[in-house]
Amino acid sequence: MAEGDVDTPLWKRLGWMVALWGMSVGVLGVVAFVIRWWLMP
């Protein structure tokens, strides 16, 4: 972590973690949907 991150509130760090997790799950879902659509038109 950078030195400036120490003063960041816990809720803000958790919010970023949840946002990144949600985006990654969404991207994986889109990729899975595209692969299924491509294999079984």
Protein backbone atom coordinates (compact mmCIF):
# COMPACT_ATOMS: atom_id res chain seq x y z
CA MET A 1 0.00 0.00 0.00
CA ALA A 2 1.07 3.54 -0.54
CA GLU A 3 1.55 5.82 2.44
CA GLY A 4 -1.57 7.83 1.59
CA ASP A 5 -3.80 4.75 1.76
CA VAL A 6 -3.37 4.46 5.54
CA ASP A 7 -5.73 7.39 6.15
CA THR A 8 -8.41 6.05 3.80
CA PRO A 9 -11.56 5.04 5.72
CA LEU A 10 -12.32 1.34 5.94
CA TRP A 11 -15.72 1.77 4.26
CA LYS A 12 -14.07 3.37 1.24
CA ARG A 13 -11.55 0.54 0.86
CA LEU A 14 -14.30 -2.05 1.26
CA GLY A 15 -16.40 -0.20 -1.29
CA TRP A 16 -13.61 -0.35 -3.84
CA MET A 17 -13.09 -4.05 -3.11
CA VAL A 18 -16.79 -4.77 -3.61
CA ALA A 19 -16.88 -2.67 -6.80
CA LEU A 20 -13.88 -4.47 -8.30
CA TRP A 21 -15.30 -7.85 -7.31
CA GLY A 22 -18.66 -7.00 -8.86
CA MET A 23 -17.08 -5.82 -12.09
CA SER A 24 -14.97 -8.97 -12.36
CA VAL A 25 -18.01 -11.18 -11.78
CA GLY A 26 -19.92 -9.20 -14.41
CA VAL A 27 -17.14 -9.51 -16.98
CA LEU A 28 -16.85 -13.25 -16.34
CA GLY A 29 -20.61 -13.58 -16.77
CA VAL A 30 -20.53 -11.74 -20.09
CA VAL A 31 -17.63 -13.88 -21.32
CA ALA A 32 -19.45 -17.06 -20.28
CA PHE A 33 -22.61 -15.90 -22.06
CA VAL A 34 -20.69 -15.09 -25.26
CA ILE A 35 -18.93 -18.47 -25.21
CA ARG A 36 -22.24 -20.31 -24.69
CA TRP A 37 -23.89 -18.29 -27.47
CA TRP A 38 -20.94 -18.98 -29.79
CA LEU A 39 -20.90 -22.74 -29.14
CA MET A 40 -24.68 -23.26 -29.24
CA PRO A 41 -26.28 -20.76 -31.62
